[in-house]
Amino acid sequence: MKHIHTFILILLMAATMAVLPVQAVIIQMELYNSNPLVNNDGVTVLAGDATAGDLVQVIETGPDNAINAPNATTGLPSGDDTILFTLHVGTGIPSSGTGLLDAYPLDYNSSLVSTDIYVRFWNGTTVAGSTYYGNSSIFLLPAGDAFNQSQLDFVPTGGSPHTTDQPFSLNVVPEPSSLFLFGLVVFGVWTWRKRRQLGLVATS
């Protein structure tokens, strides 16, 4: 009889464990590229060293699972895309001028596992200082191992795109004060021309 009670207790515990929600954990990812990132000429590696380098963004695609172009006025992802991590070429690499990065740890919640992501890389340290950008292929955010560690090579040898082949120019929105000044000048010129037409301004 005691064995039956023990067996029933084990079954109840197993059933309870089955219906309990899985506890989310933080996964630490190592993000790197086996192939160097290169400029739009297809040869020159993107600049970078251990302290500063050309801009790299890890971006989630959103529900449409598609790569959207950067916003022309901010350089941020457009549509339903969002930035997960901001990095720089040369991160984690001891020598400069390699076009490589090895970033660790990039922490994310296990609830994001299998989310579609891609990597966008620029040929400048900022969006404003860039004239071209490139996108990797779309990858699934990897699950962690028994120690909640993961790895992703976003430019495997002979694989994902690695060239900044998309032209880009940041369209800077003028400051309100600049717009006011411009409007004042236009109004002044228009007033002067009107007065001249009416003969109120002396012509030489």
N, C-alpha and C. Protein backbone atom coordinates (compact mmCIF):
# COMPACT_ATOMS: atom_id res chain seq x y z
N MET A 1 0.82 -1.20 0.00
CA MET A 1 0.00 0.00 0.00
C MET A 1 0.86 1.27 0.00
N LYS A 2 1.96 1.21 0.76
CA LYS A 2 2.87 2.34 0.83
C LYS A 2 3.47 2.63 -0.54
N HIS A 3 3.79 1.56 -1.30
CA HIS A 3 4.36 1.72 -2.63
C HIS A 3 3.36 2.40 -3.57
N ILE A 4 2.07 2.09 -3.41
CA ILE A 4 1.04 2.70 -4.27
C ILE A 4 0.96 4.20 -3.98
N HIS A 5 0.99 4.57 -2.70
CA HIS A 5 0.94 5.99 -2.34
C HIS A 5 2.15 6.74 -2.90
N THR A 6 3.31 6.12 -2.80
CA THR A 6 4.54 6.73 -3.33
C THR A 6 4.44 6.91 -4.83
N PHE A 7 3.92 5.89 -5.53
CA PHE A 7 3.77 5.94 -6.98
C PHE A 7 2.82 7.06 -7.38
N ILE A 8 1.69 7.19 -6.65
CA ILE A 8 0.70 8.24 -6.95
C ILE A 8 1.32 9.62 -6.70
N LEU A 9 2.10 9.75 -5.64
CA LEU A 9 2.77 11.01 -5.32
C LEU A 9 3.73 11.42 -6.44
N ILE A 10 4.47 10.44 -6.94
CA ILE A 10 5.41 10.71 -8.04
C ILE A 10 4.65 11.16 -9.28
N LEU A 11 3.52 10.49 -9.58
CA LEU A 11 2.72 10.87 -10.74
C LEU A 11 2.17 12.29 -10.60
N LEU A 12 1.71 12.64 -9.40
CA LEU A 12 1.20 13.99 -9.17
C LEU A 12 2.29 15.05 -9.33
N MET A 13 3.49 14.74 -8.83
CA MET A 13 4.61 15.68 -8.98
C MET A 13 4.99 15.86 -10.44
N ALA A 14 5.00 14.75 -11.19
CA ALA A 14 5.33 14.81 -12.61
C ALA A 14 4.29 15.63 -13.37
N ALA A 15 3.01 15.44 -13.03
CA ALA A 15 1.94 16.19 -13.70
C ALA A 15 2.05 17.68 -13.38
N THR A 16 2.38 18.00 -12.13
CA THR A 16 2.54 19.40 -11.72
C THR A 16 3.69 20.05 -12.48
N MET A 17 4.81 19.34 -12.61
CA MET A 17 5.97 19.87 -13.33
C MET A 17 5.63 20.09 -14.79
N ALA A 18 4.77 19.23 -15.36
CA ALA A 18 4.44 19.33 -16.78
C ALA A 18 3.60 20.56 -17.08
N VAL A 19 2.74 20.98 -16.15
CA VAL A 19 1.86 22.11 -16.41
C VAL A 19 2.46 23.43 -15.96
N LEU A 20 3.51 23.41 -15.14
CA LEU A 20 4.15 24.65 -14.71
C LEU A 20 4.85 25.30 -15.90
N PRO A 21 4.79 26.63 -16.03
CA PRO A 21 5.50 27.30 -17.12
C PRO A 21 7.01 27.14 -16.98
N VAL A 22 7.66 27.04 -18.13
CA VAL A 22 9.12 26.91 -18.12
C VAL A 22 9.73 28.24 -17.70
N GLN A 23 10.64 28.19 -16.75
CA GLN A 23 11.28 29.40 -16.25
C GLN A 23 12.21 29.98 -17.31
N ALA A 24 12.01 31.25 -17.66
CA ALA A 24 12.88 31.90 -18.64
C ALA A 24 14.26 32.13 -18.02
N VAL A 25 15.29 32.00 -18.82
CA VAL A 25 16.66 32.21 -18.36
C VAL A 25 17.37 33.17 -19.31
N ILE A 26 18.49 33.71 -18.88
CA ILE A 26 19.30 34.58 -19.71
C ILE A 26 20.34 33.74 -20.44
N ILE A 27 20.36 33.88 -21.75
CA ILE A 27 21.34 33.16 -22.58
C ILE A 27 22.44 34.15 -22.97
N GLN A 28 23.68 33.70 -22.90
CA GLN A 28 24.83 34.52 -23.26
C GLN A 28 25.38 34.04 -24.60
N MET A 29 25.28 34.90 -25.61
CA MET A 29 25.69 34.52 -26.97
C MET A 29 27.05 35.11 -27.32
N GLU A 30 27.83 34.31 -28.03
CA GLU A 30 29.05 34.81 -28.67
C GLU A 30 28.71 35.03 -30.14
N LEU A 31 28.83 36.28 -30.60
CA LEU A 31 28.56 36.64 -31.99
C LEU A 31 29.88 36.96 -32.69
N TYR A 32 30.15 36.31 -33.80
CA TYR A 32 31.42 36.54 -34.49
C TYR A 32 31.23 36.33 -35.99
N ASN A 33 32.25 36.67 -36.77
CA ASN A 33 32.23 36.45 -38.21
C ASN A 33 33.53 35.81 -38.67
N SER A 34 33.41 34.69 -39.39
CA SER A 34 34.60 34.00 -39.91
C SER A 34 35.17 34.71 -41.13
N ASN A 35 34.28 35.31 -41.93
CA ASN A 35 34.70 36.09 -43.08
C ASN A 35 34.72 37.56 -42.71
N PRO A 36 35.74 38.33 -43.11
CA PRO A 36 35.79 39.75 -42.74
C PRO A 36 34.71 40.56 -43.44
N LEU A 37 34.24 41.59 -42.77
CA LEU A 37 33.32 42.55 -43.37
C LEU A 37 34.13 43.51 -44.23
N VAL A 38 33.65 43.79 -45.45
CA VAL A 38 34.40 44.64 -46.37
C VAL A 38 33.55 45.79 -46.89
N ASN A 39 34.24 46.83 -47.36
CA ASN A 39 33.58 48.02 -47.88
C ASN A 39 32.95 47.74 -49.24
N ASN A 40 32.32 48.77 -49.81
CA ASN A 40 31.57 48.58 -51.05
C ASN A 40 32.44 48.21 -52.24
N ASP A 41 33.77 48.39 -52.13
CA ASP A 41 34.65 47.95 -53.22
C ASP A 41 34.86 46.44 -53.21
N GLY A 42 34.37 45.77 -52.17
CA GLY A 42 34.48 44.32 -52.08
C GLY A 42 35.84 43.82 -51.64
N VAL A 43 36.75 44.74 -51.31
CA VAL A 43 38.13 44.35 -50.97
C VAL A 43 38.57 44.93 -49.61
N THR A 44 38.41 46.24 -49.44
CA THR A 44 38.89 46.92 -48.25
C THR A 44 38.08 46.50 -47.03
N VAL A 45 38.77 45.99 -46.01
CA VAL A 45 38.06 45.55 -44.80
C VAL A 45 37.55 46.76 -44.03
N LEU A 46 36.42 46.60 -43.36
CA LEU A 46 35.88 47.68 -42.54
C LEU A 46 36.83 47.98 -41.39
N ALA A 47 36.92 49.26 -41.04
CA ALA A 47 37.86 49.70 -40.01
C ALA A 47 37.40 49.24 -38.64
N GLY A 48 38.38 48.93 -37.80
CA GLY A 48 38.04 48.57 -36.44
C GLY A 48 39.24 48.12 -35.64
N ASP A 49 39.19 48.41 -34.34
CA ASP A 49 40.18 47.89 -33.41
C ASP A 49 39.47 47.57 -32.11
N ALA A 50 40.23 47.30 -31.09
CA ALA A 50 39.65 46.85 -29.82
C ALA A 50 38.83 47.92 -29.12
N THR A 51 39.04 49.20 -29.47
CA THR A 51 38.34 50.28 -28.77
C THR A 51 37.24 50.93 -29.60
N ALA A 52 37.40 51.03 -30.90
CA ALA A 52 36.39 51.68 -31.75
C ALA A 52 36.48 51.12 -33.16
N GLY A 53 35.33 51.08 -33.82
CA GLY A 53 35.32 50.57 -35.19
C GLY A 53 34.02 50.91 -35.87
N ASP A 54 33.90 50.48 -37.10
CA ASP A 54 32.68 50.75 -37.86
C ASP A 54 31.48 50.10 -37.18
N LEU A 55 30.34 50.75 -37.35
CA LEU A 55 29.12 50.39 -36.63
C LEU A 55 28.54 49.05 -37.08
N VAL A 56 28.09 48.26 -36.11
CA VAL A 56 27.42 46.98 -36.37
C VAL A 56 26.17 46.92 -35.50
N GLN A 57 25.03 46.56 -36.11
CA GLN A 57 23.77 46.46 -35.38
C GLN A 57 23.20 45.05 -35.53
N VAL A 58 22.78 44.45 -34.42
CA VAL A 58 22.07 43.18 -34.44
C VAL A 58 20.58 43.51 -34.34
N ILE A 59 19.80 43.10 -35.33
CA ILE A 59 18.43 43.59 -35.48
C ILE A 59 17.44 42.43 -35.53
N GLU A 60 16.34 42.57 -34.80
CA GLU A 60 15.24 41.60 -34.85
C GLU A 60 14.30 42.01 -35.98
N THR A 61 13.85 41.03 -36.79
CA THR A 61 13.03 41.36 -37.96
C THR A 61 11.61 41.76 -37.63
N GLY A 62 11.08 41.30 -36.51
CA GLY A 62 9.68 41.57 -36.22
C GLY A 62 8.79 40.53 -36.88
N PRO A 63 7.48 40.67 -36.74
CA PRO A 63 6.54 39.66 -37.22
C PRO A 63 6.60 39.37 -38.73
N ASP A 64 7.04 40.35 -39.54
CA ASP A 64 7.05 40.09 -40.98
C ASP A 64 8.24 39.23 -41.43
N ASN A 65 9.20 38.99 -40.51
CA ASN A 65 10.36 38.15 -40.80
C ASN A 65 11.11 38.59 -42.07
N ALA A 66 11.17 39.91 -42.27
CA ALA A 66 11.84 40.46 -43.45
C ALA A 66 12.79 41.57 -43.04
N ILE A 67 13.85 41.77 -43.84
CA ILE A 67 14.82 42.84 -43.59
C ILE A 67 14.28 44.14 -44.19
N ASN A 68 14.11 45.15 -43.33
CA ASN A 68 13.67 46.47 -43.78
C ASN A 68 14.86 47.42 -43.84
N ALA A 69 14.84 48.33 -44.80
CA ALA A 69 15.92 49.30 -44.96
C ALA A 69 15.96 50.25 -43.78
N PRO A 70 17.11 50.86 -43.51
CA PRO A 70 17.18 51.84 -42.41
C PRO A 70 16.39 53.10 -42.75
N ASN A 71 15.88 53.75 -41.72
CA ASN A 71 15.16 55.01 -41.88
C ASN A 71 16.12 56.07 -42.42
N ALA A 72 15.69 56.83 -43.42
CA ALA A 72 16.57 57.79 -44.09
C ALA A 72 16.93 58.98 -43.23
N THR A 73 16.13 59.28 -42.20
CA THR A 73 16.41 60.45 -41.37
C THR A 73 17.08 60.11 -40.04
N THR A 74 17.01 58.83 -39.62
CA THR A 74 17.62 58.45 -38.34
C THR A 74 18.66 57.34 -38.48
N GLY A 75 18.55 56.53 -39.52
CA GLY A 75 19.43 55.38 -39.66
C GLY A 75 19.00 54.19 -38.84
N LEU A 76 17.96 54.36 -38.03
CA LEU A 76 17.44 53.24 -37.24
C LEU A 76 16.64 52.30 -38.14
N PRO A 77 16.45 51.05 -37.71
CA PRO A 77 15.66 50.13 -38.53
C PRO A 77 14.24 50.67 -38.73
N SER A 78 13.67 50.40 -39.89
CA SER A 78 12.32 50.86 -40.18
C SER A 78 11.34 49.70 -40.09
N GLY A 79 10.07 49.99 -40.31
CA GLY A 79 9.04 48.95 -40.24
C GLY A 79 8.94 48.39 -38.84
N ASP A 80 8.86 47.05 -38.75
CA ASP A 80 8.73 46.41 -37.44
C ASP A 80 10.05 45.88 -36.90
N ASP A 81 11.17 46.27 -37.53
CA ASP A 81 12.49 45.83 -37.08
C ASP A 81 12.95 46.64 -35.87
N THR A 82 13.67 45.99 -34.96
CA THR A 82 14.19 46.68 -33.77
C THR A 82 15.63 46.23 -33.49
N ILE A 83 16.44 47.15 -32.96
CA ILE A 83 17.82 46.84 -32.62
C ILE A 83 17.88 46.07 -31.30
N LEU A 84 18.59 44.95 -31.32
CA LEU A 84 18.83 44.19 -30.09
C LEU A 84 20.16 44.57 -29.46
N PHE A 85 21.21 44.71 -30.30
CA PHE A 85 22.55 45.03 -29.81
C PHE A 85 23.24 45.99 -30.78
N THR A 86 24.06 46.88 -30.23
CA THR A 86 24.89 47.77 -31.04
C THR A 86 26.35 47.47 -30.73
N LEU A 87 27.12 47.17 -31.77
CA LEU A 87 28.52 46.77 -31.61
C LEU A 87 29.40 47.56 -32.58
N HIS A 88 30.67 47.21 -32.61
CA HIS A 88 31.60 47.83 -33.55
C HIS A 88 32.56 46.77 -34.09
N VAL A 89 32.96 46.95 -35.35
CA VAL A 89 33.98 46.08 -35.93
C VAL A 89 35.22 46.16 -35.05
N GLY A 90 35.83 45.04 -34.78
CA GLY A 90 37.04 45.00 -33.94
C GLY A 90 36.76 44.62 -32.51
N THR A 91 35.47 44.58 -32.12
CA THR A 91 35.13 44.18 -30.75
C THR A 91 35.66 42.78 -30.46
N GLY A 92 36.43 42.64 -29.39
CA GLY A 92 36.94 41.35 -28.97
C GLY A 92 38.09 40.81 -29.80
N ILE A 93 38.59 41.60 -30.76
CA ILE A 93 39.69 41.16 -31.63
C ILE A 93 40.96 41.91 -31.22
N PRO A 94 42.05 41.20 -30.89
CA PRO A 94 43.26 41.87 -30.39
C PRO A 94 44.00 42.69 -31.44
N SER A 95 43.90 42.30 -32.71
CA SER A 95 44.62 43.04 -33.76
C SER A 95 43.64 43.84 -34.61
N SER A 96 44.08 45.01 -35.10
CA SER A 96 43.22 45.88 -35.87
C SER A 96 43.30 45.55 -37.37
N GLY A 97 42.35 46.11 -38.12
CA GLY A 97 42.37 45.97 -39.57
C GLY A 97 42.03 44.59 -40.08
N THR A 98 41.24 43.84 -39.33
CA THR A 98 40.88 42.48 -39.77
C THR A 98 39.47 42.40 -40.35
N GLY A 99 38.62 43.39 -40.06
CA GLY A 99 37.23 43.33 -40.49
C GLY A 99 36.41 42.33 -39.71
N LEU A 100 36.94 41.90 -38.57
CA LEU A 100 36.28 40.88 -37.75
C LEU A 100 35.79 41.45 -36.43
N LEU A 101 34.88 40.72 -35.80
CA LEU A 101 34.49 41.02 -34.42
C LEU A 101 34.17 39.71 -33.72
N ASP A 102 34.28 39.74 -32.41
CA ASP A 102 33.97 38.56 -31.59
C ASP A 102 33.40 39.08 -30.27
N ALA A 103 32.08 39.29 -30.25
CA ALA A 103 31.43 39.92 -29.11
C ALA A 103 30.85 38.85 -28.17
N TYR A 104 31.20 38.98 -26.89
CA TYR A 104 30.68 38.07 -25.87
C TYR A 104 30.78 38.76 -24.51
N PRO A 105 29.77 38.66 -23.65
CA PRO A 105 28.49 38.00 -23.91
C PRO A 105 27.42 39.00 -24.38
N LEU A 106 26.58 38.57 -25.30
CA LEU A 106 25.39 39.31 -25.68
C LEU A 106 24.21 38.59 -25.01
N ASP A 107 23.63 39.22 -24.00
CA ASP A 107 22.61 38.56 -23.18
C ASP A 107 21.21 38.78 -23.75
N TYR A 108 20.44 37.70 -23.82
CA TYR A 108 19.03 37.80 -24.21
C TYR A 108 18.22 36.75 -23.47
N ASN A 109 16.94 37.03 -23.36
CA ASN A 109 16.03 36.14 -22.65
C ASN A 109 15.73 34.91 -23.50
N SER A 110 15.64 33.76 -22.86
CA SER A 110 15.39 32.52 -23.60
C SER A 110 14.04 32.54 -24.33
N SER A 111 13.15 33.45 -23.95
CA SER A 111 11.86 33.57 -24.66
C SER A 111 12.06 34.07 -26.08
N LEU A 112 13.24 34.64 -26.38
CA LEU A 112 13.53 35.13 -27.73
C LEU A 112 14.16 34.09 -28.64
N VAL A 113 14.43 32.90 -28.10
CA VAL A 113 15.04 31.84 -28.91
C VAL A 113 14.19 31.57 -30.15
N SER A 114 14.86 31.41 -31.30
CA SER A 114 14.24 31.16 -32.61
C SER A 114 13.60 32.39 -33.21
N THR A 115 13.85 33.58 -32.61
CA THR A 115 13.43 34.83 -33.23
C THR A 115 14.33 35.09 -34.44
N ASP A 116 13.76 35.62 -35.53
CA ASP A 116 14.56 35.95 -36.71
C ASP A 116 15.36 37.22 -36.47
N ILE A 117 16.67 37.16 -36.73
CA ILE A 117 17.54 38.32 -36.59
C ILE A 117 18.46 38.42 -37.80
N TYR A 118 19.04 39.59 -37.98
CA TYR A 118 20.10 39.77 -38.98
C TYR A 118 21.07 40.80 -38.45
N VAL A 119 22.23 40.90 -39.09
CA VAL A 119 23.26 41.85 -38.67
C VAL A 119 23.43 42.89 -39.78
N ARG A 120 23.37 44.16 -39.39
CA ARG A 120 23.61 45.26 -40.34
C ARG A 120 24.95 45.91 -39.98
N PHE A 121 25.79 46.09 -40.98
CA PHE A 121 27.11 46.68 -40.75
C PHE A 121 27.31 47.87 -41.67
N TRP A 122 27.97 48.90 -41.14
CA TRP A 122 28.12 50.19 -41.82
C TRP A 122 29.59 50.46 -42.10
N ASN A 123 29.86 51.33 -43.10
CA ASN A 123 31.26 51.66 -43.40
C ASN A 123 31.71 52.94 -42.70
N GLY A 124 31.10 53.23 -41.55
CA GLY A 124 31.49 54.35 -40.71
C GLY A 124 31.21 54.01 -39.25
N THR A 125 31.81 54.75 -38.35
CA THR A 125 31.61 54.47 -36.92
C THR A 125 30.23 54.90 -36.44
N THR A 126 29.56 55.76 -37.21
CA THR A 126 28.19 56.18 -36.91
C THR A 126 27.37 56.10 -38.20
N VAL A 127 26.05 56.14 -38.03
CA VAL A 127 25.17 56.16 -39.20
C VAL A 127 25.42 57.42 -40.02
N ALA A 128 25.55 58.57 -39.33
CA ALA A 128 25.75 59.85 -40.02
C ALA A 128 27.06 59.85 -40.81
N GLY A 129 28.06 59.12 -40.34
CA GLY A 129 29.36 59.09 -41.01
C GLY A 129 29.50 57.98 -42.03
N SER A 130 28.41 57.29 -42.33
CA SER A 130 28.46 56.16 -43.26
C SER A 130 27.87 56.52 -44.62
N THR A 131 28.43 55.91 -45.67
CA THR A 131 27.91 56.10 -47.02
C THR A 131 27.34 54.81 -47.60
N TYR A 132 27.66 53.67 -46.97
CA TYR A 132 27.15 52.37 -47.40
C TYR A 132 26.88 51.51 -46.18
N TYR A 133 25.98 50.55 -46.35
CA TYR A 133 25.74 49.53 -45.32
C TYR A 133 25.49 48.20 -46.00
N GLY A 134 25.58 47.14 -45.23
CA GLY A 134 25.27 45.80 -45.74
C GLY A 134 24.49 45.02 -44.71
N ASN A 135 23.81 43.99 -45.15
CA ASN A 135 23.04 43.12 -44.26
C ASN A 135 23.50 41.68 -44.40
N SER A 136 23.52 40.97 -43.28
CA SER A 136 23.78 39.53 -43.32
C SER A 136 22.52 38.82 -43.77
N SER A 137 22.56 37.51 -43.83
CA SER A 137 21.35 36.73 -44.02
C SER A 137 20.53 36.77 -42.74
N ILE A 138 19.33 36.23 -42.80
CA ILE A 138 18.49 36.12 -41.61
C ILE A 138 18.83 34.82 -40.88
N PHE A 139 19.02 34.92 -39.57
CA PHE A 139 19.32 33.77 -38.73
C PHE A 139 18.29 33.64 -37.62
N LEU A 140 18.21 32.46 -37.03
CA LEU A 140 17.40 32.27 -35.83
C LEU A 140 18.27 32.51 -34.61
N LEU A 141 17.77 33.28 -33.67
CA LEU A 141 18.50 33.49 -32.42
C LEU A 141 18.66 32.13 -31.74
N PRO A 142 19.90 31.69 -31.52
CA PRO A 142 20.12 30.31 -31.08
C PRO A 142 19.73 30.04 -29.62
N ALA A 143 19.37 28.79 -29.38
CA ALA A 143 19.08 28.34 -28.01
C ALA A 143 20.40 28.12 -27.27
N GLY A 144 20.36 28.22 -25.98
CA GLY A 144 21.56 28.00 -25.18
C GLY A 144 21.79 26.53 -24.91
N ASP A 145 23.02 26.20 -24.55
CA ASP A 145 23.34 24.83 -24.18
C ASP A 145 23.00 24.62 -22.70
N ALA A 146 23.54 23.56 -22.10
CA ALA A 146 23.26 23.26 -20.70
C ALA A 146 23.74 24.37 -19.76
N PHE A 147 24.68 25.19 -20.23
CA PHE A 147 25.22 26.29 -19.42
C PHE A 147 24.66 27.64 -19.88
N ASN A 148 23.60 27.61 -20.72
CA ASN A 148 22.95 28.82 -21.25
C ASN A 148 23.92 29.68 -22.07
N GLN A 149 24.77 28.99 -22.83
CA GLN A 149 25.70 29.66 -23.73
C GLN A 149 25.29 29.34 -25.17
N SER A 150 25.51 30.31 -26.08
CA SER A 150 25.21 30.05 -27.49
C SER A 150 26.25 30.75 -28.36
N GLN A 151 26.31 30.36 -29.62
CA GLN A 151 27.25 30.94 -30.58
C GLN A 151 26.52 31.19 -31.90
N LEU A 152 26.93 32.25 -32.61
CA LEU A 152 26.40 32.52 -33.94
C LEU A 152 27.48 33.15 -34.80
N ASP A 153 27.82 32.49 -35.89
CA ASP A 153 28.74 33.01 -36.89
C ASP A 153 27.87 33.66 -37.97
N PHE A 154 27.80 35.00 -37.98
CA PHE A 154 26.88 35.65 -38.91
C PHE A 154 27.48 35.85 -40.30
N VAL A 155 28.76 35.57 -40.48
CA VAL A 155 29.35 35.53 -41.82
C VAL A 155 30.23 34.30 -41.91
N PRO A 156 29.62 33.12 -42.02
CA PRO A 156 30.42 31.90 -42.15
C PRO A 156 31.21 31.92 -43.44
N THR A 157 32.31 31.20 -43.48
CA THR A 157 33.16 31.17 -44.67
C THR A 157 32.34 30.74 -45.89
N GLY A 158 32.37 31.58 -46.92
CA GLY A 158 31.63 31.27 -48.14
C GLY A 158 30.13 31.37 -47.98
N GLY A 159 29.67 31.98 -46.88
CA GLY A 159 28.24 32.00 -46.62
C GLY A 159 27.61 33.38 -46.73
N SER A 160 27.16 33.89 -45.60
CA SER A 160 26.35 35.10 -45.54
C SER A 160 27.03 36.30 -46.20
N PRO A 161 26.22 37.23 -46.78
CA PRO A 161 26.80 38.46 -47.36
C PRO A 161 27.67 39.20 -46.34
N HIS A 162 28.72 39.85 -46.84
CA HIS A 162 29.63 40.54 -45.93
C HIS A 162 30.14 41.86 -46.49
N THR A 163 29.47 42.40 -47.53
CA THR A 163 29.89 43.63 -48.18
C THR A 163 28.89 44.75 -47.95
N THR A 164 29.40 45.96 -47.68
CA THR A 164 28.51 47.13 -47.56
C THR A 164 28.15 47.59 -48.96
N ASP A 165 27.13 46.98 -49.52
CA ASP A 165 26.78 47.22 -50.93
C ASP A 165 25.53 48.07 -51.12
N GLN A 166 24.97 48.61 -50.02
CA GLN A 166 23.77 49.43 -50.13
C GLN A 166 24.12 50.90 -49.85
N PRO A 167 23.96 51.79 -50.85
CA PRO A 167 24.29 53.21 -50.61
C PRO A 167 23.35 53.83 -49.60
N PHE A 168 23.88 54.77 -48.83
CA PHE A 168 23.07 55.41 -47.78
C PHE A 168 23.54 56.84 -47.57
N SER A 169 22.58 57.75 -47.39
CA SER A 169 22.89 59.13 -47.05
C SER A 169 21.84 59.59 -46.05
N LEU A 170 22.29 60.06 -44.91
CA LEU A 170 21.37 60.50 -43.86
C LEU A 170 20.76 61.84 -44.23
N ASN A 171 19.43 61.88 -44.32
CA ASN A 171 18.72 63.13 -44.60
C ASN A 171 18.46 63.85 -43.29
N VAL A 172 19.28 64.84 -43.00
CA VAL A 172 19.18 65.55 -41.73
C VAL A 172 18.02 66.54 -41.78
N VAL A 173 17.12 66.45 -40.81
CA VAL A 173 16.00 67.40 -40.72
C VAL A 173 16.51 68.69 -40.11
N PRO A 174 16.28 69.84 -40.78
CA PRO A 174 16.80 71.11 -40.24
C PRO A 174 16.21 71.45 -38.88
N GLU A 175 17.00 72.12 -38.05
CA GLU A 175 16.53 72.60 -36.75
C GLU A 175 15.42 73.63 -36.98
N PRO A 176 14.43 73.72 -36.07
CA PRO A 176 13.37 74.72 -36.22
C PRO A 176 13.90 76.14 -36.35
N SER A 177 14.98 76.46 -35.62
CA SER A 177 15.54 77.81 -35.70
C SER A 177 16.10 78.09 -37.09
N SER A 178 16.69 77.05 -37.72
CA SER A 178 17.23 77.21 -39.07
C SER A 178 16.10 77.42 -40.07
N LEU A 179 15.01 76.69 -39.89
CA LEU A 179 13.85 76.86 -40.76
C LEU A 179 13.27 78.26 -40.63
N PHE A 180 13.21 78.79 -39.39
CA PHE A 180 12.68 80.13 -39.17
C PHE A 180 13.55 81.16 -39.87
N LEU A 181 14.88 81.02 -39.74
CA LEU A 181 15.80 81.95 -40.36
C LEU A 181 15.67 81.92 -41.87
N PHE A 182 15.56 80.70 -42.43
CA PHE A 182 15.40 80.55 -43.88
C PHE A 182 14.11 81.23 -44.33
N GLY A 183 13.02 81.00 -43.58
CA GLY A 183 11.74 81.61 -43.92
C GLY A 183 11.81 83.12 -43.87
N LEU A 184 12.53 83.66 -42.88
CA LEU A 184 12.68 85.11 -42.73
C LEU A 184 13.42 85.70 -43.93
N VAL A 185 14.46 85.02 -44.39
CA VAL A 185 15.23 85.50 -45.55
C VAL A 185 14.35 85.49 -46.80
N VAL A 186 13.60 84.38 -46.99
CA VAL A 186 12.72 84.29 -48.16
C VAL A 186 11.67 85.39 -48.13
N PHE A 187 11.09 85.63 -46.95
CA PHE A 187 10.08 86.68 -46.82
C PHE A 187 10.69 88.05 -47.10
N GLY A 188 11.91 88.28 -46.61
CA GLY A 188 12.57 89.56 -46.85
C GLY A 188 12.83 89.80 -48.33
N VAL A 189 13.31 88.75 -49.02
CA VAL A 189 13.57 88.89 -50.46
C VAL A 189 12.27 89.13 -51.21
N TRP A 190 11.22 88.40 -50.84
CA TRP A 190 9.92 88.57 -51.51
C TRP A 190 9.40 89.98 -51.30
N THR A 191 9.52 90.54 -50.06
CA THR A 191 9.06 91.89 -49.75
C THR A 191 9.85 92.92 -50.55
N TRP A 192 11.16 92.75 -50.64
CA TRP A 192 12.01 93.69 -51.38
C TRP A 192 11.63 93.71 -52.85
N ARG A 193 11.39 92.52 -53.42
CA ARG A 193 11.04 92.45 -54.85
C ARG A 193 9.68 93.09 -55.10
N LYS A 194 8.73 92.90 -54.17
CA LYS A 194 7.41 93.48 -54.33
C LYS A 194 7.47 95.00 -54.28
N ARG A 195 8.26 95.51 -53.31
CA ARG A 195 8.41 96.96 -53.19
C ARG A 195 9.09 97.54 -54.42
N ARG A 196 10.03 96.78 -54.97
CA ARG A 196 10.73 97.25 -56.17
C ARG A 196 9.77 97.33 -57.35
N GLN A 197 8.89 96.33 -57.47
CA GLN A 197 7.92 96.32 -58.57
C GLN A 197 6.94 97.49 -58.46
N LEU A 198 6.65 97.88 -57.22
CA LEU A 198 5.73 98.99 -57.00
C LEU A 198 6.43 100.36 -57.07
N GLY A 199 7.75 100.31 -57.28
CA GLY A 199 8.51 101.55 -57.38
C GLY A 199 8.84 102.19 -56.06
N LEU A 200 8.71 101.42 -54.99
CA LEU A 200 9.00 101.97 -53.66
C LEU A 200 10.47 101.85 -53.29
N VAL A 201 11.24 101.13 -54.13
CA VAL A 201 12.66 100.97 -53.87
C VAL A 201 13.42 101.59 -55.03
N ALA A 202 14.39 102.41 -54.71
CA ALA A 202 15.16 103.08 -55.76
C ALA A 202 16.04 102.07 -56.47
N THR A 203 16.07 102.16 -57.81
CA THR A 203 16.94 101.28 -58.60
C THR A 203 18.05 102.12 -59.17
N SER A 204 19.25 101.58 -59.20
CA SER A 204 20.38 102.34 -59.70
C SER A 204 20.66 101.98 -61.16
